[in-house]
């Protein structure tokens, strides 16, 4: 019987696909994502089940629409009785492991995963076991004036994501060195590029003078809604 493939899911947050090389951006440098696109399948027409991240993640996890799993906002809890992809893969002989962001509210922070090596960037309740990775710094809107006023810096989200990446490398190296015949389903949940927007000094300096102004300024509200 052929060995079943390991499964790796990489989730970023608020990541505009057009700010990647594989979707035609000539400025940003995303070589690893570009390689995945070249060697795999690149989608050009994808629909999201909800404009909010919590309900959308619940849909990806359960395969259900928000009206079915009842997670309507980022504050709604996902019912632990609803089976998830992690439950299904665990029943199929996979080892479901989560590292990083899951973005679900309530006491159940696994929803079918057998282990969670890194949680969200802070605990979701007072006294929770997860370390606090610092305050969130940066601008909450991508306006040029806001970004220039913020400047370079280090956000707690960046610290969280570096912890996620390090834990993932450690997990994969440990698995490769062992003799575990059980295939894994590893989910990596990154916070970035979610707002607030702030970049490390080397990244900020690299792109500070390279982003051109838009060819057409954003219209003011009166122009967009002349009948209001």
C-alpha atoms as a PDB file:
ATOM      1  CA  UNK A   1       0.000   0.000   0.000  1.00  0.00           C
ATOM      2  CA  UNK A   2       1.418   3.357  -1.033  1.00  0.00           C
ATOM      3  CA  UNK A   3       2.316   5.787   1.722  1.00  0.00           C
ATOM      4  CA  UNK A   4      -0.253   8.539   2.019  1.00  0.00           C
ATOM      5  CA  UNK A   5       1.000  12.091   1.495  1.00  0.00           C
ATOM      6  CA  UNK A   6       1.386  14.507   4.366  1.00  0.00           C
ATOM      7  CA  UNK A   7      -0.892  17.550   4.243  1.00  0.00           C
ATOM      8  CA  UNK A   8       0.266  21.099   4.975  1.00  0.00           C
ATOM      9  CA  UNK A   9      -2.196  24.004   5.111  1.00  0.00           C
ATOM     10  CA  UNK A  10      -0.791  27.548   5.259  1.00  0.00           C
ATOM     11  CA  UNK A  11      -3.262  30.272   6.243  1.00  0.00           C
ATOM     12  CA  UNK A  12      -2.414  33.974   6.097  1.00  0.00           C
ATOM     13  CA  UNK A  13      -4.854  36.674   7.214  1.00  0.00           C
ATOM     14  CA  UNK A  14      -6.221  39.502   5.059  1.00  0.00           C
ATOM     15  CA  UNK A  15      -3.747  38.607   2.346  1.00  0.00           C
ATOM     16  CA  UNK A  16      -4.669  40.278  -0.924  1.00  0.00           C
ATOM     17  CA  UNK A  17      -3.657  37.777  -3.624  1.00  0.00           C
ATOM     18  CA  UNK A  18      -2.679  40.537  -6.019  1.00  0.00           C
ATOM     19  CA  UNK A  19       0.155  41.575  -3.688  1.00  0.00           C
ATOM     20  CA  UNK A  20       2.107  38.489  -4.745  1.00  0.00           C
ATOM     21  CA  UNK A  21       4.395  37.821  -7.656  1.00  0.00           C
ATOM     22  CA  UNK A  22       2.365  34.874  -8.940  1.00  0.00           C
ATOM     23  CA  UNK A  23      -0.654  37.142  -9.459  1.00  0.00           C
ATOM     24  CA  UNK A  24       1.302  39.735 -11.402  1.00  0.00           C
ATOM     25  CA  UNK A  25       2.725  42.186  -8.863  1.00  0.00           C
ATOM     26  CA  UNK A  26       6.160  43.214 -10.146  1.00  0.00           C
ATOM     27  CA  UNK A  27       7.227  44.977  -6.946  1.00  0.00           C
ATOM     28  CA  UNK A  28       6.764  42.526  -4.085  1.00  0.00           C
ATOM     29  CA  UNK A  29       9.063  39.545  -3.652  1.00  0.00           C
ATOM     30  CA  UNK A  30       7.231  36.308  -2.824  1.00  0.00           C
ATOM     31  CA  UNK A  31       9.512  33.596  -4.262  1.00  0.00           C
ATOM     32  CA  UNK A  32       8.192  30.711  -2.156  1.00  0.00           C
ATOM     33  CA  UNK A  33       4.543  31.479  -2.887  1.00  0.00           C
ATOM     34  CA  UNK A  34       5.455  31.870  -6.553  1.00  0.00           C
ATOM     35  CA  UNK A  35       7.091  28.438  -6.531  1.00  0.00           C
ATOM     36  CA  UNK A  36       4.001  26.881  -4.956  1.00  0.00           C
ATOM     37  CA  UNK A  37       1.917  28.512  -7.677  1.00  0.00           C
ATOM     38  CA  UNK A  38       4.183  27.236 -10.463  1.00  0.00           C
ATOM     39  CA  UNK A  39       4.352  23.683  -9.164  1.00  0.00           C
ATOM     40  CA  UNK A  40       0.761  23.419  -7.976  1.00  0.00           C
ATOM     41  CA  UNK A  41      -2.629  24.854  -8.860  1.00  0.00           C
ATOM     42  CA  UNK A  42      -3.270  28.596  -8.976  1.00  0.00           C
ATOM     43  CA  UNK A  43      -6.887  29.685  -8.628  1.00  0.00           C
ATOM     44  CA  UNK A  44      -8.234  32.785 -10.351  1.00  0.00           C
ATOM     45  CA  UNK A  45     -11.909  32.611  -9.395  1.00  0.00           C
ATOM     46  CA  UNK A  46     -12.550  31.849  -5.732  1.00  0.00           C
ATOM     47  CA  UNK A  47     -15.489  32.825  -3.552  1.00  0.00           C
ATOM     48  CA  UNK A  48     -15.368  33.432   0.187  1.00  0.00           C
ATOM     49  CA  UNK A  49     -18.277  32.249   2.332  1.00  0.00           C
ATOM     50  CA  UNK A  50     -18.203  35.375   4.513  1.00  0.00           C
ATOM     51  CA  UNK A  51     -16.532  38.813   4.465  1.00  0.00           C
ATOM     52  CA  UNK A  52     -15.556  38.320   8.137  1.00  0.00           C
ATOM     53  CA  UNK A  53     -12.556  36.197   9.053  1.00  0.00           C
ATOM     54  CA  UNK A  54     -14.160  34.230  11.915  1.00  0.00           C
ATOM     55  CA  UNK A  55     -17.147  32.911   9.944  1.00  0.00           C
ATOM     56  CA  UNK A  56     -14.946  32.335   6.895  1.00  0.00           C
ATOM     57  CA  UNK A  57     -12.470  30.241   8.882  1.00  0.00           C
ATOM     58  CA  UNK A  58     -15.334  28.293  10.429  1.00  0.00           C
ATOM     59  CA  UNK A  59     -16.555  27.503   6.910  1.00  0.00           C
ATOM     60  CA  UNK A  60     -13.113  26.333   5.792  1.00  0.00           C
ATOM     61  CA  UNK A  61     -12.857  24.199   8.918  1.00  0.00           C
ATOM     62  CA  UNK A  62     -16.311  22.612   8.671  1.00  0.00           C
ATOM     63  CA  UNK A  63     -17.188  22.746   4.985  1.00  0.00           C
ATOM     64  CA  UNK A  64     -20.440  24.493   5.921  1.00  0.00           C
ATOM     65  CA  UNK A  65     -21.933  27.878   5.162  1.00  0.00           C
ATOM     66  CA  UNK A  66     -22.441  30.386   8.017  1.00  0.00           C
ATOM     67  CA  UNK A  67     -26.186  29.699   8.095  1.00  0.00           C
ATOM     68  CA  UNK A  68     -25.297  26.072   8.881  1.00  0.00           C
ATOM     69  CA  UNK A  69     -22.489  26.423  11.433  1.00  0.00           C
ATOM     70  CA  UNK A  70     -24.067  29.608  12.895  1.00  0.00           C
ATOM     71  CA  UNK A  71     -20.817  31.548  13.251  1.00  0.00           C
ATOM     72  CA  UNK A  72     -22.090  34.891  12.007  1.00  0.00           C
ATOM     73  CA  UNK A  73     -19.520  37.257  13.509  1.00  0.00           C
ATOM     74  CA  UNK A  74     -16.019  37.128  14.968  1.00  0.00           C
ATOM     75  CA  UNK A  75     -17.607  36.825  18.421  1.00  0.00           C
ATOM     76  CA  UNK A  76     -19.753  33.733  17.776  1.00  0.00           C
ATOM     77  CA  UNK A  77     -18.511  30.366  19.069  1.00  0.00           C
ATOM     78  CA  UNK A  78     -18.264  27.353  16.776  1.00  0.00           C
ATOM     79  CA  UNK A  79     -20.276  24.435  18.183  1.00  0.00           C
ATOM     80  CA  UNK A  80     -17.858  21.685  19.229  1.00  0.00           C
ATOM     81  CA  UNK A  81     -20.394  19.082  18.093  1.00  0.00           C
ATOM     82  CA  UNK A  82     -19.897  20.089  14.448  1.00  0.00           C
ATOM     83  CA  UNK A  83     -17.338  17.798  12.769  1.00  0.00           C
ATOM     84  CA  UNK A  84     -14.371  19.519  11.161  1.00  0.00           C
ATOM     85  CA  UNK A  85     -11.717  18.681   8.604  1.00  0.00           C
ATOM     86  CA  UNK A  86      -9.379  17.886  11.500  1.00  0.00           C
ATOM     87  CA  UNK A  87     -11.895  15.367  12.876  1.00  0.00           C
ATOM     88  CA  UNK A  88     -12.267  13.720   9.472  1.00  0.00           C
ATOM     89  CA  UNK A  89      -8.546  13.457   8.803  1.00  0.00           C
ATOM     90  CA  UNK A  90      -7.910  12.166  12.315  1.00  0.00           C
ATOM     91  CA  UNK A  91     -10.476   9.430  11.729  1.00  0.00           C
ATOM     92  CA  UNK A  92      -8.745   8.631   8.428  1.00  0.00           C
ATOM     93  CA  UNK A  93      -5.435   7.943  10.158  1.00  0.00           C
ATOM     94  CA  UNK A  94      -3.817  11.375   9.942  1.00  0.00           C
ATOM     95  CA  UNK A  95      -2.275  13.239  12.865  1.00  0.00           C
ATOM     96  CA  UNK A  96      -3.994  16.656  12.874  1.00  0.00           C
ATOM     97  CA  UNK A  97      -1.721  19.320  14.388  1.00  0.00           C
ATOM     98  CA  UNK A  98      -2.328  23.069  14.566  1.00  0.00           C
ATOM     99  CA  UNK A  99       0.361  25.730  14.897  1.00  0.00           C
ATOM    100  CA  UNK A 100      -0.812  29.315  15.230  1.00  0.00           C
ATOM    101  CA  UNK A 101      -4.023  31.172  14.547  1.00  0.00           C
ATOM    102  CA  UNK A 102      -7.370  29.382  14.571  1.00  0.00           C
ATOM    103  CA  UNK A 103      -9.522  32.434  15.319  1.00  0.00           C
ATOM    104  CA  UNK A 104     -12.387  30.691  17.097  1.00  0.00           C
ATOM    105  CA  UNK A 105     -14.001  31.907  20.292  1.00  0.00           C
ATOM    106  CA  UNK A 106     -14.787  29.823  23.355  1.00  0.00           C
ATOM    107  CA  UNK A 107     -13.177  27.087  25.444  1.00  0.00           C
ATOM    108  CA  UNK A 108     -12.665  24.634  22.571  1.00  0.00           C
ATOM    109  CA  UNK A 109      -9.423  25.743  20.938  1.00  0.00           C
ATOM    110  CA  UNK A 110      -8.758  22.474  19.090  1.00  0.00           C
ATOM    111  CA  UNK A 111     -11.914  21.461  17.173  1.00  0.00           C
ATOM    112  CA  UNK A 112     -10.495  18.113  16.160  1.00  0.00           C
ATOM    113  CA  UNK A 113      -6.778  18.872  16.259  1.00  0.00           C
ATOM    114  CA  UNK A 114      -4.843  16.623  18.623  1.00  0.00           C
ATOM    115  CA  UNK A 115      -2.258  19.296  19.456  1.00  0.00           C
ATOM    116  CA  UNK A 116      -1.835  23.052  19.168  1.00  0.00           C
ATOM    117  CA  UNK A 117       1.815  24.000  19.461  1.00  0.00           C
ATOM    118  CA  UNK A 118       1.329  27.784  19.194  1.00  0.00           C
ATOM    119  CA  UNK A 119      -1.908  29.638  19.875  1.00  0.00           C
ATOM    120  CA  UNK A 120      -3.160  33.047  18.793  1.00  0.00           C
ATOM    121  CA  UNK A 121      -0.987  36.065  19.532  1.00  0.00           C
ATOM    122  CA  UNK A 122      -2.573  36.443  23.002  1.00  0.00           C
ATOM    123  CA  UNK A 123      -4.814  34.214  25.160  1.00  0.00           C
ATOM    124  CA  UNK A 124      -8.536  34.639  24.553  1.00  0.00           C
ATOM    125  CA  UNK A 125      -9.287  34.794  28.273  1.00  0.00           C
ATOM    126  CA  UNK A 126      -7.642  36.226  31.385  1.00  0.00           C
ATOM    127  CA  UNK A 127      -5.094  33.828  32.816  1.00  0.00           C
ATOM    128  CA  UNK A 128      -4.838  31.796  29.610  1.00  0.00           C
ATOM    129  CA  UNK A 129      -1.705  29.723  29.033  1.00  0.00           C
ATOM    130  CA  UNK A 130      -0.491  31.510  25.930  1.00  0.00           C
ATOM    131  CA  UNK A 131       2.250  34.137  26.357  1.00  0.00           C
ATOM    132  CA  UNK A 132       1.477  37.732  25.524  1.00  0.00           C
ATOM    133  CA  UNK A 133       3.708  38.700  22.596  1.00  0.00           C
ATOM    134  CA  UNK A 134       3.467  42.428  23.182  1.00  0.00           C
ATOM    135  CA  UNK A 135       1.252  45.282  22.079  1.00  0.00           C
ATOM    136  CA  UNK A 136      -0.020  45.803  18.561  1.00  0.00           C
ATOM    137  CA  UNK A 137       1.690  48.739  16.891  1.00  0.00           C
ATOM    138  CA  UNK A 138       1.117  50.283  13.489  1.00  0.00           C
ATOM    139  CA  UNK A 139      -1.603  51.927  11.416  1.00  0.00           C
ATOM    140  CA  UNK A 140      -5.104  50.508  11.132  1.00  0.00           C
ATOM    141  CA  UNK A 141      -5.592  51.857   7.627  1.00  0.00           C
ATOM    142  CA  UNK A 142      -3.259  51.599   4.622  1.00  0.00           C
ATOM    143  CA  UNK A 143      -3.297  55.324   3.842  1.00  0.00           C
ATOM    144  CA  UNK A 144       0.144  56.625   2.898  1.00  0.00           C
ATOM    145  CA  UNK A 145       0.064  59.354   5.558  1.00  0.00           C
ATOM    146  CA  UNK A 146      -0.752  56.806   8.261  1.00  0.00           C
ATOM    147  CA  UNK A 147       2.006  54.454   7.160  1.00  0.00           C
ATOM    148  CA  UNK A 148       4.599  57.237   6.992  1.00  0.00           C
ATOM    149  CA  UNK A 149       3.572  58.492  10.425  1.00  0.00           C
ATOM    150  CA  UNK A 150       3.890  54.960  11.826  1.00  0.00           C
ATOM    151  CA  UNK A 151       7.255  54.252  10.205  1.00  0.00           C
ATOM    152  CA  UNK A 152       9.136  51.022  10.789  1.00  0.00           C
ATOM    153  CA  UNK A 153       8.639  48.828  13.808  1.00  0.00           C
ATOM    154  CA  UNK A 154       7.884  45.386  15.169  1.00  0.00           C
ATOM    155  CA  UNK A 155       4.323  44.259  15.809  1.00  0.00           C
ATOM    156  CA  UNK A 156       3.211  41.484  18.145  1.00  0.00           C
ATOM    157  CA  UNK A 157       1.794  39.805  15.040  1.00  0.00           C
ATOM    158  CA  UNK A 158       5.293  39.617  13.542  1.00  0.00           C
ATOM    159  CA  UNK A 159       6.602  38.016  16.742  1.00  0.00           C
ATOM    160  CA  UNK A 160       3.720  35.536  16.696  1.00  0.00           C
ATOM    161  CA  UNK A 161       4.313  34.570  13.074  1.00  0.00           C
ATOM    162  CA  UNK A 162       8.020  34.045  13.641  1.00  0.00           C
ATOM    163  CA  UNK A 163       7.116  31.722  16.534  1.00  0.00           C
ATOM    164  CA  UNK A 164       4.721  29.844  14.246  1.00  0.00           C
ATOM    165  CA  UNK A 165       7.365  29.443  11.529  1.00  0.00           C
ATOM    166  CA  UNK A 166       9.992  28.254  14.022  1.00  0.00           C
ATOM    167  CA  UNK A 167       7.596  25.731  15.564  1.00  0.00           C
ATOM    168  CA  UNK A 168       6.659  24.465  12.097  1.00  0.00           C
ATOM    169  CA  UNK A 169      10.295  23.940  11.109  1.00  0.00           C
ATOM    170  CA  UNK A 170      10.932  22.105  14.379  1.00  0.00           C
ATOM    171  CA  UNK A 171       7.874  19.891  13.845  1.00  0.00           C
ATOM    172  CA  UNK A 172       8.862  18.995  10.276  1.00  0.00           C
ATOM    173  CA  UNK A 173      12.493  18.295  11.181  1.00  0.00           C
ATOM    174  CA  UNK A 174      11.442  16.102  14.111  1.00  0.00           C
ATOM    175  CA  UNK A 175       9.011  14.211  11.892  1.00  0.00           C
ATOM    176  CA  UNK A 176      11.637  13.727   9.166  1.00  0.00           C
ATOM    177  CA  UNK A 177      14.175  12.399  11.672  1.00  0.00           C
ATOM    178  CA  UNK A 178      11.727   9.928  13.208  1.00  0.00           C
ATOM    179  CA  UNK A 179      10.113   6.761  11.985  1.00  0.00           C
ATOM    180  CA  UNK A 180       6.503   7.782  12.460  1.00  0.00           C
ATOM    181  CA  UNK A 181       4.441   6.006   9.833  1.00  0.00           C
ATOM    182  CA  UNK A 182       1.369   8.085  10.656  1.00  0.00           C
ATOM    183  CA  UNK A 183       0.948  10.887   8.087  1.00  0.00           C
ATOM    184  CA  UNK A 184       0.304  14.373   9.422  1.00  0.00           C
ATOM    185  CA  UNK A 185      -2.173  17.116   8.663  1.00  0.00           C
ATOM    186  CA  UNK A 186      -0.332  20.271   9.727  1.00  0.00           C
ATOM    187  CA  UNK A 187      -2.172  23.595   9.723  1.00  0.00           C
ATOM    188  CA  UNK A 188      -0.181  26.832  10.060  1.00  0.00           C
ATOM    189  CA  UNK A 189      -2.129  29.940  11.040  1.00  0.00           C
ATOM    190  CA  UNK A 190      -0.311  33.238  10.461  1.00  0.00           C
ATOM    191  CA  UNK A 191      -1.605  36.614  11.676  1.00  0.00           C
ATOM    192  CA  UNK A 192      -0.002  38.767   8.989  1.00  0.00           C
ATOM    193  CA  UNK A 193      -0.584  40.735   6.833  1.00  0.00           C
ATOM    194  CA  UNK A 194      -3.574  41.597   9.056  1.00  0.00           C
ATOM    195  CA  UNK A 195      -3.760  45.190  10.301  1.00  0.00           C
ATOM    196  CA  UNK A 196      -2.327  47.128  12.081  1.00  0.00           C
ATOM    197  CA  UNK A 197       0.238  47.795   9.384  1.00  0.00           C
ATOM    198  CA  UNK A 198       3.880  48.109  10.376  1.00  0.00           C
ATOM    199  CA  UNK A 199       7.013  46.648   8.799  1.00  0.00           C
ATOM    200  CA  UNK A 200      10.439  45.778  10.071  1.00  0.00           C
ATOM    201  CA  UNK A 201      13.096  48.364   9.228  1.00  0.00           C
ATOM    202  CA  UNK A 202      14.694  46.299   6.443  1.00  0.00           C
ATOM    203  CA  UNK A 203      11.320  45.702   4.767  1.00  0.00           C
ATOM    204  CA  UNK A 204      10.179  49.295   5.221  1.00  0.00           C
ATOM    205  CA  UNK A 205      13.359  50.694   3.680  1.00  0.00           C
ATOM    206  CA  UNK A 206      13.232  48.232   0.799  1.00  0.00           C
ATOM    207  CA  UNK A 207       9.840  49.446  -0.431  1.00  0.00           C
ATOM    208  CA  UNK A 208       9.589  52.982   1.008  1.00  0.00           C
ATOM    209  CA  UNK A 209      10.382  54.816  -2.248  1.00  0.00           C
ATOM    210  CA  UNK A 210       9.272  52.181  -4.745  1.00  0.00           C
ATOM    211  CA  UNK A 211       5.493  52.211  -4.434  1.00  0.00           C
ATOM    212  CA  UNK A 212       4.078  54.570  -7.077  1.00  0.00           C
ATOM    213  CA  UNK A 213       0.974  56.678  -6.423  1.00  0.00           C
ATOM    214  CA  UNK A 214      -2.278  55.299  -7.859  1.00  0.00           C
ATOM    215  CA  UNK A 215      -3.013  56.230 -11.455  1.00  0.00           C
ATOM    216  CA  UNK A 216      -6.426  57.487 -10.357  1.00  0.00           C
ATOM    217  CA  UNK A 217      -7.021  58.924  -6.883  1.00  0.00           C
ATOM    218  CA  UNK A 218      -9.673  57.272  -4.763  1.00  0.00           C
ATOM    219  CA  UNK A 219     -13.012  59.047  -5.309  1.00  0.00           C
ATOM    220  CA  UNK A 220     -14.546  60.891  -2.417  1.00  0.00           C
ATOM    221  CA  UNK A 221     -17.843  59.600  -1.025  1.00  0.00           C
ATOM    222  CA  UNK A 222     -19.891  62.330  -2.704  1.00  0.00           C
ATOM    223  CA  UNK A 223     -18.646  61.232  -6.128  1.00  0.00           C
ATOM    224  CA  UNK A 224     -19.388  57.581  -5.429  1.00  0.00           C
ATOM    225  CA  UNK A 225     -22.891  58.268  -4.139  1.00  0.00           C
ATOM    226  CA  UNK A 226     -24.213  61.337  -5.984  1.00  0.00           C
ATOM    227  CA  UNK A 227     -27.835  60.709  -4.932  1.00  0.00           C
ATOM    228  CA  UNK A 228     -27.229  60.629  -1.189  1.00  0.00           C
END
